[in-house]
Amino acid sequence: MVRGRALVLEDVGDYPRFAGNPVVDEIGIRSYLGAPLADRTGLVLGTVCVADVRPRPWGRAGLDTIKAMAAELAERVRRREDDGDTAAPL
């Protein structure tokens, strides 16, 4: 989330910075694909992501899909804010 860009990790084991991460170790995550979910000001609210317990070649199609999903959800958040409806489901 710090980078503000999508993160593609086809095999988390290839990245030493994730060694010892409790989520990676306890759940057994081996691959990760995520894109930031930002509000209209650019504040990152979280991520839209998928993970797998096996290495996975996400490829360009996976990256494009996760980015499109994050953009769609961000638009839904913006519409909800514009409507002033804080109780409506996303």
PDB file of N, CA and C in Angstrom:
ATOM      1  N   MET A   1       0.828  -1.190   0.000  1.00  0.00           N
ATOM      2  CA  MET A   1       0.000   0.000   0.000  1.00  0.00           C
ATOM      3  C   MET A   1       0.868   1.248   0.000  1.00  0.00           C
ATOM      4  N   VAL A   2       2.034   1.166   0.557  1.00  0.00           N
ATOM      5  CA  VAL A   2       2.910   2.321   0.625  1.00  0.00           C
ATOM      6  C   VAL A   2       3.256   2.834  -0.766  1.00  0.00           C
ATOM      7  N   ARG A   3       3.470   1.914  -1.709  1.00  0.00           N
ATOM      8  CA  ARG A   3       3.862   2.294  -3.065  1.00  0.00           C
ATOM      9  C   ARG A   3       2.709   2.902  -3.852  1.00  0.00           C
ATOM     10  N   GLY A   4       1.491   2.568  -3.491  1.00  0.00           N
ATOM     11  CA  GLY A   4       0.339   3.072  -4.219  1.00  0.00           C
ATOM     12  C   GLY A   4       0.141   2.414  -5.572  1.00  0.00           C
ATOM     13  N   ARG A   5       0.780   1.264  -5.772  1.00  0.00           N
ATOM     14  CA  ARG A   5       0.666   0.539  -7.041  1.00  0.00           C
ATOM     15  C   ARG A   5       0.323  -0.917  -6.741  1.00  0.00           C
ATOM     16  N   ALA A   6      -0.101  -1.609  -7.784  1.00  0.00           N
ATOM     17  CA  ALA A   6      -0.399  -3.029  -7.650  1.00  0.00           C
ATOM     18  C   ALA A   6       0.877  -3.790  -7.276  1.00  0.00           C
ATOM     19  N   LEU A   7       0.689  -4.872  -6.548  1.00  0.00           N
ATOM     20  CA  LEU A   7       1.813  -5.708  -6.130  1.00  0.00           C
ATOM     21  C   LEU A   7       1.559  -7.128  -6.615  1.00  0.00           C
ATOM     22  N   VAL A   8       2.501  -7.656  -7.381  1.00  0.00           N
ATOM     23  CA  VAL A   8       2.405  -9.002  -7.923  1.00  0.00           C
ATOM     24  C   VAL A   8       3.549  -9.819  -7.361  1.00  0.00           C
ATOM     25  N   LEU A   9       3.213 -10.861  -6.601  1.00  0.00           N
ATOM     26  CA  LEU A   9       4.212 -11.779  -6.060  1.00  0.00           C
ATOM     27  C   LEU A   9       3.823 -13.185  -6.495  1.00  0.00           C
ATOM     28  N   GLU A  10       4.452 -13.657  -7.530  1.00  0.00           N
ATOM     29  CA  GLU A  10       4.107 -14.991  -8.035  1.00  0.00           C
ATOM     30  C   GLU A  10       4.559 -16.078  -7.080  1.00  0.00           C
ATOM     31  N   ASP A  11       5.673 -15.839  -6.375  1.00  0.00           N
ATOM     32  CA  ASP A  11       6.141 -16.744  -5.325  1.00  0.00           C
ATOM     33  C   ASP A  11       6.712 -15.903  -4.204  1.00  0.00           C
ATOM     34  N   VAL A  12       5.954 -15.783  -3.125  1.00  0.00           N
ATOM     35  CA  VAL A  12       6.344 -14.951  -1.993  1.00  0.00           C
ATOM     36  C   VAL A  12       7.708 -15.372  -1.442  1.00  0.00           C
ATOM     37  N   GLY A  13       8.037 -16.655  -1.572  1.00  0.00           N
ATOM     38  CA  GLY A  13       9.327 -17.152  -1.098  1.00  0.00           C
ATOM     39  C   GLY A  13      10.521 -16.518  -1.788  1.00  0.00           C
ATOM     40  N   ASP A  14      10.302 -15.896  -2.928  1.00  0.00           N
ATOM     41  CA  ASP A  14      11.379 -15.224  -3.649  1.00  0.00           C
ATOM     42  C   ASP A  14      11.698 -13.840  -3.084  1.00  0.00           C
ATOM     43  N   TYR A  15      10.939 -13.377  -2.100  1.00  0.00           N
ATOM     44  CA  TYR A  15      11.083 -12.024  -1.563  1.00  0.00           C
ATOM     45  C   TYR A  15      11.408 -12.069  -0.076  1.00  0.00           C
ATOM     46  N   PRO A  16      12.666 -11.900   0.287  1.00  0.00           N
ATOM     47  CA  PRO A  16      13.092 -11.996   1.684  1.00  0.00           C
ATOM     48  C   PRO A  16      12.354 -11.052   2.631  1.00  0.00           C
ATOM     49  N   ARG A  17      11.869  -9.924   2.130  1.00  0.00           N
ATOM     50  CA  ARG A  17      11.198  -8.968   3.030  1.00  0.00           C
ATOM     51  C   ARG A  17       9.907  -9.537   3.624  1.00  0.00           C
ATOM     52  N   PHE A  18       9.367 -10.609   3.033  1.00  0.00           N
ATOM     53  CA  PHE A  18       8.154 -11.217   3.562  1.00  0.00           C
ATOM     54  C   PHE A  18       8.456 -12.408   4.468  1.00  0.00           C
ATOM     55  N   ALA A  19       9.720 -12.770   4.596  1.00  0.00           N
ATOM     56  CA  ALA A  19      10.100 -13.879   5.488  1.00  0.00           C
ATOM     57  C   ALA A  19       9.756 -13.496   6.924  1.00  0.00           C
ATOM     58  N   GLY A  20       9.125 -14.398   7.626  1.00  0.00           N
ATOM     59  CA  GLY A  20       8.751 -14.149   9.017  1.00  0.00           C
ATOM     60  C   GLY A  20       7.444 -13.396   9.180  1.00  0.00           C
ATOM     61  N   ASN A  21       6.795 -13.011   8.091  1.00  0.00           N
ATOM     62  CA  ASN A  21       5.509 -12.346   8.183  1.00  0.00           C
ATOM     63  C   ASN A  21       4.498 -13.368   8.690  1.00  0.00           C
ATOM     64  N   PRO A  22       3.805 -13.068   9.807  1.00  0.00           N
ATOM     65  CA  PRO A  22       2.901 -14.061  10.387  1.00  0.00           C
ATOM     66  C   PRO A  22       1.786 -14.512   9.446  1.00  0.00           C
ATOM     67  N   VAL A  23       1.263 -13.630   8.624  1.00  0.00           N
ATOM     68  CA  VAL A  23       0.203 -14.025   7.697  1.00  0.00           C
ATOM     69  C   VAL A  23       0.758 -14.992   6.661  1.00  0.00           C
ATOM     70  N   VAL A  24       1.917 -14.668   6.148  1.00  0.00           N
ATOM     71  CA  VAL A  24       2.552 -15.532   5.151  1.00  0.00           C
ATOM     72  C   VAL A  24       2.865 -16.897   5.761  1.00  0.00           C
ATOM     73  N   ASP A  25       3.450 -16.888   6.943  1.00  0.00           N
ATOM     74  CA  ASP A  25       3.871 -18.138   7.578  1.00  0.00           C
ATOM     75  C   ASP A  25       2.706 -18.965   8.122  1.00  0.00           C
ATOM     76  N   GLU A  26       1.787 -18.339   8.850  1.00  0.00           N
ATOM     77  CA  GLU A  26       0.708 -19.085   9.497  1.00  0.00           C
ATOM     78  C   GLU A  26      -0.338 -19.594   8.505  1.00  0.00           C
ATOM     79  N   ILE A  27      -0.670 -18.796   7.533  1.00  0.00           N
ATOM     80  CA  ILE A  27      -1.679 -19.204   6.552  1.00  0.00           C
ATOM     81  C   ILE A  27      -1.033 -19.997   5.427  1.00  0.00           C
ATOM     82  N   GLY A  28       0.233 -19.745   5.190  1.00  0.00           N
ATOM     83  CA  GLY A  28       0.940 -20.455   4.140  1.00  0.00           C
ATOM     84  C   GLY A  28       0.802 -19.797   2.779  1.00  0.00           C
ATOM     85  N   ILE A  29       0.664 -18.486   2.762  1.00  0.00           N
ATOM     86  CA  ILE A  29       0.526 -17.780   1.482  1.00  0.00           C
ATOM     87  C   ILE A  29       1.812 -17.914   0.684  1.00  0.00           C
ATOM     88  N   ARG A  30       1.674 -18.321  -0.565  1.00  0.00           N
ATOM     89  CA  ARG A  30       2.826 -18.456  -1.459  1.00  0.00           C
ATOM     90  C   ARG A  30       2.765 -17.504  -2.624  1.00  0.00           C
ATOM     91  N   SER A  31       1.572 -17.010  -2.983  1.00  0.00           N
ATOM     92  CA  SER A  31       1.478 -16.022  -4.052  1.00  0.00           C
ATOM     93  C   SER A  31       0.428 -14.990  -3.662  1.00  0.00           C
ATOM     94  N   TYR A  32       0.637 -13.780  -4.173  1.00  0.00           N
ATOM     95  CA  TYR A  32      -0.209 -12.647  -3.796  1.00  0.00           C
ATOM     96  C   TYR A  32      -0.346 -11.714  -4.992  1.00  0.00           C
ATOM     97  N   LEU A  33      -1.531 -11.166  -5.141  1.00  0.00           N
ATOM     98  CA  LEU A  33      -1.796 -10.179  -6.173  1.00  0.00           C
ATOM     99  C   LEU A  33      -2.746  -9.157  -5.573  1.00  0.00           C
ATOM    100  N   GLY A  34      -2.342  -7.902  -5.518  1.00  0.00           N
ATOM    101  CA  GLY A  34      -3.184  -6.891  -4.899  1.00  0.00           C
ATOM    102  C   GLY A  34      -3.028  -5.535  -5.548  1.00  0.00           C
ATOM    103  N   ALA A  35      -4.089  -4.746  -5.459  1.00  0.00           N
ATOM    104  CA  ALA A  35      -4.089  -3.383  -5.983  1.00  0.00           C
ATOM    105  C   ALA A  35      -4.690  -2.475  -4.916  1.00  0.00           C
ATOM    106  N   PRO A  36      -4.146  -1.263  -4.769  1.00  0.00           N
ATOM    107  CA  PRO A  36      -4.661  -0.357  -3.742  1.00  0.00           C
ATOM    108  C   PRO A  36      -6.083   0.111  -4.050  1.00  0.00           C
ATOM    109  N   LEU A  37      -6.846   0.289  -2.990  1.00  0.00           N
ATOM    110  CA  LEU A  37      -8.192   0.850  -3.068  1.00  0.00           C
ATOM    111  C   LEU A  37      -8.094   2.256  -2.487  1.00  0.00           C
ATOM    112  N   ALA A  38      -8.187   3.263  -3.350  1.00  0.00           N
ATOM    113  CA  ALA A  38      -8.000   4.647  -2.920  1.00  0.00           C
ATOM    114  C   ALA A  38      -9.291   5.442  -3.051  1.00  0.00           C
ATOM    115  N   ASP A  39      -9.457   6.415  -2.146  1.00  0.00           N
ATOM    116  CA  ASP A  39     -10.610   7.303  -2.261  1.00  0.00           C
ATOM    117  C   ASP A  39     -10.293   8.433  -3.241  1.00  0.00           C
ATOM    118  N   ARG A  40     -11.201   9.357  -3.390  1.00  0.00           N
ATOM    119  CA  ARG A  40     -11.033  10.418  -4.392  1.00  0.00           C
ATOM    120  C   ARG A  40      -9.857  11.343  -4.097  1.00  0.00           C
ATOM    121  N   THR A  41      -9.391  11.383  -2.846  1.00  0.00           N
ATOM    122  CA  THR A  41      -8.249  12.234  -2.508  1.00  0.00           C
ATOM    123  C   THR A  41      -6.922  11.516  -2.704  1.00  0.00           C
ATOM    124  N   GLY A  42      -6.993  10.225  -3.020  1.00  0.00           N
ATOM    125  CA  GLY A  42      -5.782   9.436  -3.177  1.00  0.00           C
ATOM    126  C   GLY A  42      -5.390   8.687  -1.917  1.00  0.00           C
ATOM    127  N   LEU A  43      -6.146   8.857  -0.834  1.00  0.00           N
ATOM    128  CA  LEU A  43      -5.881   8.135   0.401  1.00  0.00           C
ATOM    129  C   LEU A  43      -6.167   6.656   0.175  1.00  0.00           C
ATOM    130  N   VAL A  44      -5.193   5.821   0.451  1.00  0.00           N
ATOM    131  CA  VAL A  44      -5.369   4.386   0.261  1.00  0.00           C
ATOM    132  C   VAL A  44      -6.135   3.823   1.462  1.00  0.00           C
ATOM    133  N   LEU A  45      -7.312   3.266   1.179  1.00  0.00           N
ATOM    134  CA  LEU A  45      -8.188   2.718   2.206  1.00  0.00           C
ATOM    135  C   LEU A  45      -7.846   1.276   2.542  1.00  0.00           C
ATOM    136  N   GLY A  46      -7.214   0.596   1.622  1.00  0.00           N
ATOM    137  CA  GLY A  46      -6.886  -0.816   1.786  1.00  0.00           C
ATOM    138  C   GLY A  46      -6.493  -1.379   0.435  1.00  0.00           C
ATOM    139  N   THR A  47      -6.639  -2.678   0.281  1.00  0.00           N
ATOM    140  CA  THR A  47      -6.314  -3.308  -0.986  1.00  0.00           C
ATOM    141  C   THR A  47      -7.413  -4.273  -1.403  1.00  0.00           C
ATOM    142  N   VAL A  48      -7.500  -4.466  -2.684  1.00  0.00           N
ATOM    143  CA  VAL A  48      -8.291  -5.551  -3.252  1.00  0.00           C
ATOM    144  C   VAL A  48      -7.236  -6.579  -3.628  1.00  0.00           C
ATOM    145  N   CYS A  49      -7.340  -7.787  -3.070  1.00  0.00           N
ATOM    146  CA  CYS A  49      -6.263  -8.746  -3.298  1.00  0.00           C
ATOM    147  C   CYS A  49      -6.768 -10.182  -3.343  1.00  0.00           C
ATOM    148  N   VAL A  50      -5.916 -11.015  -3.875  1.00  0.00           N
ATOM    149  CA  VAL A  50      -6.111 -12.453  -3.870  1.00  0.00           C
ATOM    150  C   VAL A  50      -4.788 -13.091  -3.483  1.00  0.00           C
ATOM    151  N   ALA A  51      -4.885 -14.249  -2.889  1.00  0.00           N
ATOM    152  CA  ALA A  51      -3.684 -14.974  -2.475  1.00  0.00           C
ATOM    153  C   ALA A  51      -3.915 -16.457  -2.717  1.00  0.00           C
ATOM    154  N   ASP A  52      -2.814 -17.186  -2.792  1.00  0.00           N
ATOM    155  CA  ASP A  52      -2.904 -18.626  -2.992  1.00  0.00           C
ATOM    156  C   ASP A  52      -1.836 -19.288  -2.129  1.00  0.00           C
ATOM    157  N   VAL A  53      -2.065 -20.533  -1.791  1.00  0.00           N
ATOM    158  CA  VAL A  53      -1.104 -21.284  -0.984  1.00  0.00           C
ATOM    159  C   VAL A  53      -0.047 -21.966  -1.854  1.00  0.00           C
ATOM    160  N   ARG A  54      -0.139 -21.754  -3.162  1.00  0.00           N
ATOM    161  CA  ARG A  54       0.866 -22.260  -4.104  1.00  0.00           C
ATOM    162  C   ARG A  54       1.364 -21.111  -4.958  1.00  0.00           C
ATOM    163  N   PRO A  55       2.598 -21.181  -5.428  1.00  0.00           N
ATOM    164  CA  PRO A  55       3.049 -20.160  -6.380  1.00  0.00           C
ATOM    165  C   PRO A  55       2.113 -20.139  -7.583  1.00  0.00           C
ATOM    166  N   ARG A  56       1.870 -18.938  -8.086  1.00  0.00           N
ATOM    167  CA  ARG A  56       0.921 -18.798  -9.196  1.00  0.00           C
ATOM    168  C   ARG A  56       1.428 -17.730 -10.163  1.00  0.00           C
ATOM    169  N   PRO A  57       1.494 -18.065 -11.437  1.00  0.00           N
ATOM    170  CA  PRO A  57       1.874 -17.060 -12.434  1.00  0.00           C
ATOM    171  C   PRO A  57       0.657 -16.195 -12.782  1.00  0.00           C
ATOM    172  N   TRP A  58       0.498 -15.075 -12.118  1.00  0.00           N
ATOM    173  CA  TRP A  58      -0.677 -14.228 -12.309  1.00  0.00           C
ATOM    174  C   TRP A  58      -0.736 -13.658 -13.720  1.00  0.00           C
ATOM    175  N   GLY A  59       0.402 -13.318 -14.271  1.00  0.00           N
ATOM    176  CA  GLY A  59       0.450 -12.788 -15.629  1.00  0.00           C
ATOM    177  C   GLY A  59      -0.202 -11.429 -15.768  1.00  0.00           C
ATOM    178  N   ARG A  60      -0.143 -10.907 -16.961  1.00  0.00           N
ATOM    179  CA  ARG A  60      -0.724  -9.591 -17.260  1.00  0.00           C
ATOM    180  C   ARG A  60      -2.230  -9.600 -17.068  1.00  0.00           C
ATOM    181  N   ALA A  61      -2.868 -10.709 -17.414  1.00  0.00           N
ATOM    182  CA  ALA A  61      -4.323 -10.791 -17.267  1.00  0.00           C
ATOM    183  C   ALA A  61      -4.737 -10.668 -15.800  1.00  0.00           C
ATOM    184  N   GLY A  62      -4.002 -11.316 -14.911  1.00  0.00           N
ATOM    185  CA  GLY A  62      -4.298 -11.220 -13.486  1.00  0.00           C
ATOM    186  C   GLY A  62      -4.115  -9.803 -12.968  1.00  0.00           C
ATOM    187  N   LEU A  63      -3.033  -9.176 -13.383  1.00  0.00           N
ATOM    188  CA  LEU A  63      -2.762  -7.799 -12.966  1.00  0.00           C
ATOM    189  C   LEU A  63      -3.853  -6.861 -13.474  1.00  0.00           C
ATOM    190  N   ASP A  64      -4.208  -6.985 -14.734  1.00  0.00           N
ATOM    191  CA  ASP A  64      -5.264  -6.137 -15.292  1.00  0.00           C
ATOM    192  C   ASP A  64      -6.588  -6.356 -14.569  1.00  0.00           C
ATOM    193  N   THR A  65      -6.893  -7.597 -14.236  1.00  0.00           N
ATOM    194  CA  THR A  65      -8.145  -7.917 -13.551  1.00  0.00           C
ATOM    195  C   THR A  65      -8.200  -7.308 -12.161  1.00  0.00           C
ATOM    196  N   ILE A  66      -7.132  -7.451 -11.382  1.00  0.00           N
ATOM    197  CA  ILE A  66      -7.156  -6.932 -10.013  1.00  0.00           C
ATOM    198  C   ILE A  66      -7.210  -5.407 -10.016  1.00  0.00           C
ATOM    199  N   LYS A  67      -6.532  -4.777 -10.972  1.00  0.00           N
ATOM    200  CA  LYS A  67      -6.580  -3.318 -11.074  1.00  0.00           C
ATOM    201  C   LYS A  67      -7.982  -2.845 -11.469  1.00  0.00           C
ATOM    202  N   ALA A  68      -8.625  -3.571 -12.369  1.00  0.00           N
ATOM    203  CA  ALA A  68      -9.989  -3.217 -12.771  1.00  0.00           C
ATOM    204  C   ALA A  68     -10.957  -3.403 -11.604  1.00  0.00           C
ATOM    205  N   MET A  69     -10.778  -4.452 -10.826  1.00  0.00           N
ATOM    206  CA  MET A  69     -11.648  -4.677  -9.668  1.00  0.00           C
ATOM    207  C   MET A  69     -11.478  -3.571  -8.642  1.00  0.00           C
ATOM    208  N   ALA A  70     -10.229  -3.147  -8.389  1.00  0.00           N
ATOM    209  CA  ALA A  70      -9.976  -2.061  -7.445  1.00  0.00           C
ATOM    210  C   ALA A  70     -10.600  -0.761  -7.945  1.00  0.00           C
ATOM    211  N   ALA A  71     -10.490  -0.484  -9.237  1.00  0.00           N
ATOM    212  CA  ALA A  71     -11.075   0.730  -9.809  1.00  0.00           C
ATOM    213  C   ALA A  71     -12.602   0.708  -9.692  1.00  0.00           C
ATOM    214  N   GLU A  72     -13.197  -0.443  -9.951  1.00  0.00           N
ATOM    215  CA  GLU A  72     -14.652  -0.570  -9.852  1.00  0.00           C
ATOM    216  C   GLU A  72     -15.118  -0.350  -8.413  1.00  0.00           C
ATOM    217  N   LEU A  73     -14.430  -0.949  -7.466  1.00  0.00           N
ATOM    218  CA  LEU A  73     -14.812  -0.778  -6.068  1.00  0.00           C
ATOM    219  C   LEU A  73     -14.602   0.668  -5.616  1.00  0.00           C
ATOM    220  N   ALA A  74     -13.518   1.297  -6.053  1.00  0.00           N
ATOM    221  CA  ALA A  74     -13.277   2.704  -5.707  1.00  0.00           C
ATOM    222  C   ALA A  74     -14.399   3.586  -6.244  1.00  0.00           C
ATOM    223  N   GLU A  75     -14.863   3.295  -7.447  1.00  0.00           N
ATOM    224  CA  GLU A  75     -15.980   4.062  -8.022  1.00  0.00           C
ATOM    225  C   GLU A  75     -17.252   3.866  -7.206  1.00  0.00           C
ATOM    226  N   ARG A  76     -17.483   2.665  -6.750  1.00  0.00           N
ATOM    227  CA  ARG A  76     -18.668   2.398  -5.919  1.00  0.00           C
ATOM    228  C   ARG A  76     -18.582   3.151  -4.601  1.00  0.00           C
ATOM    229  N   VAL A  77     -17.387   3.217  -4.020  1.00  0.00           N
ATOM    230  CA  VAL A  77     -17.191   3.982  -2.788  1.00  0.00           C
ATOM    231  C   VAL A  77     -17.475   5.459  -3.053  1.00  0.00           C
ATOM    232  N   ARG A  78     -16.966   5.996  -4.160  1.00  0.00           N
ATOM    233  CA  ARG A  78     -17.189   7.409  -4.498  1.00  0.00           C
ATOM    234  C   ARG A  78     -18.687   7.703  -4.681  1.00  0.00           C
ATOM    235  N   ARG A  79     -19.375   6.826  -5.393  1.00  0.00           N
ATOM    236  CA  ARG A  79     -20.820   7.025  -5.583  1.00  0.00           C
ATOM    237  C   ARG A  79     -21.558   7.001  -4.254  1.00  0.00           C
ATOM    238  N   ARG A  80     -21.156   6.124  -3.392  1.00  0.00           N
ATOM    239  CA  ARG A  80     -21.789   6.031  -2.075  1.00  0.00           C
ATOM    240  C   ARG A  80     -21.551   7.309  -1.282  1.00  0.00           C
ATOM    241  N   GLU A  81     -20.331   7.836  -1.356  1.00  0.00           N
ATOM    242  CA  GLU A  81     -20.026   9.097  -0.674  1.00  0.00           C
ATOM    243  C   GLU A  81     -20.849  10.234  -1.264  1.00  0.00           C
ATOM    244  N   ASP A  82     -20.955  10.283  -2.593  1.00  0.00           N
ATOM    245  CA  ASP A  82     -21.710  11.332  -3.265  1.00  0.00           C
ATOM    246  C   ASP A  82     -23.175  11.290  -2.868  1.00  0.00           C
ATOM    247  N   ASP A  83     -23.718  10.108  -2.704  1.00  0.00           N
ATOM    248  CA  ASP A  83     -25.123   9.946  -2.326  1.00  0.00           C
ATOM    249  C   ASP A  83     -25.355  10.236  -0.851  1.00  0.00           C
ATOM    250  N   GLY A  84     -24.283  10.263  -0.064  1.00  0.00           N
ATOM    251  CA  GLY A  84     -24.428  10.497   1.362  1.00  0.00           C
ATOM    252  C   GLY A  84     -25.049   9.327   2.078  1.00  0.00           C
ATOM    253  N   ASP A  85     -25.062   8.181   1.431  1.00  0.00           N
ATOM    254  CA  ASP A  85     -25.692   6.984   1.997  1.00  0.00           C
ATOM    255  C   ASP A  85     -24.615   6.099   2.602  1.00  0.00           C
ATOM    256  N   THR A  86     -24.437   6.193   3.908  1.00  0.00           N
ATOM    257  CA  THR A  86     -23.410   5.411   4.570  1.00  0.00           C
ATOM    258  C   THR A  86     -23.899   4.028   4.966  1.00  0.00           C
ATOM    259  N   ALA A  87     -25.201   3.770   4.803  1.00  0.00           N
ATOM    260  CA  ALA A  87     -25.740   2.470   5.201  1.00  0.00           C
ATOM    261  C   ALA A  87     -25.881   1.504   4.014  1.00  0.00           C
ATOM    262  N   ALA A  88     -25.767   1.999   2.802  1.00  0.00           N
ATOM    263  CA  ALA A  88     -25.972   1.142   1.631  1.00  0.00           C
ATOM    264  C   ALA A  88     -24.807   0.178   1.481  1.00  0.00           C
ATOM    265  N   PRO A  89     -25.088  -1.071   1.126  1.00  0.00           N
ATOM    266  CA  PRO A  89     -23.995  -2.032   0.918  1.00  0.00           C
ATOM    267  C   PRO A  89     -23.202  -1.687  -0.321  1.00  0.00           C
ATOM    268  N   LEU A  90     -21.917  -2.025  -0.288  1.00  0.00           N
ATOM    269  CA  LEU A  90     -21.066  -1.805  -1.442  1.00  0.00           C
ATOM    270  C   LEU A  90     -21.324  -2.891  -2.435  1.00  0.00           C
TER     271      LEU A  90
END
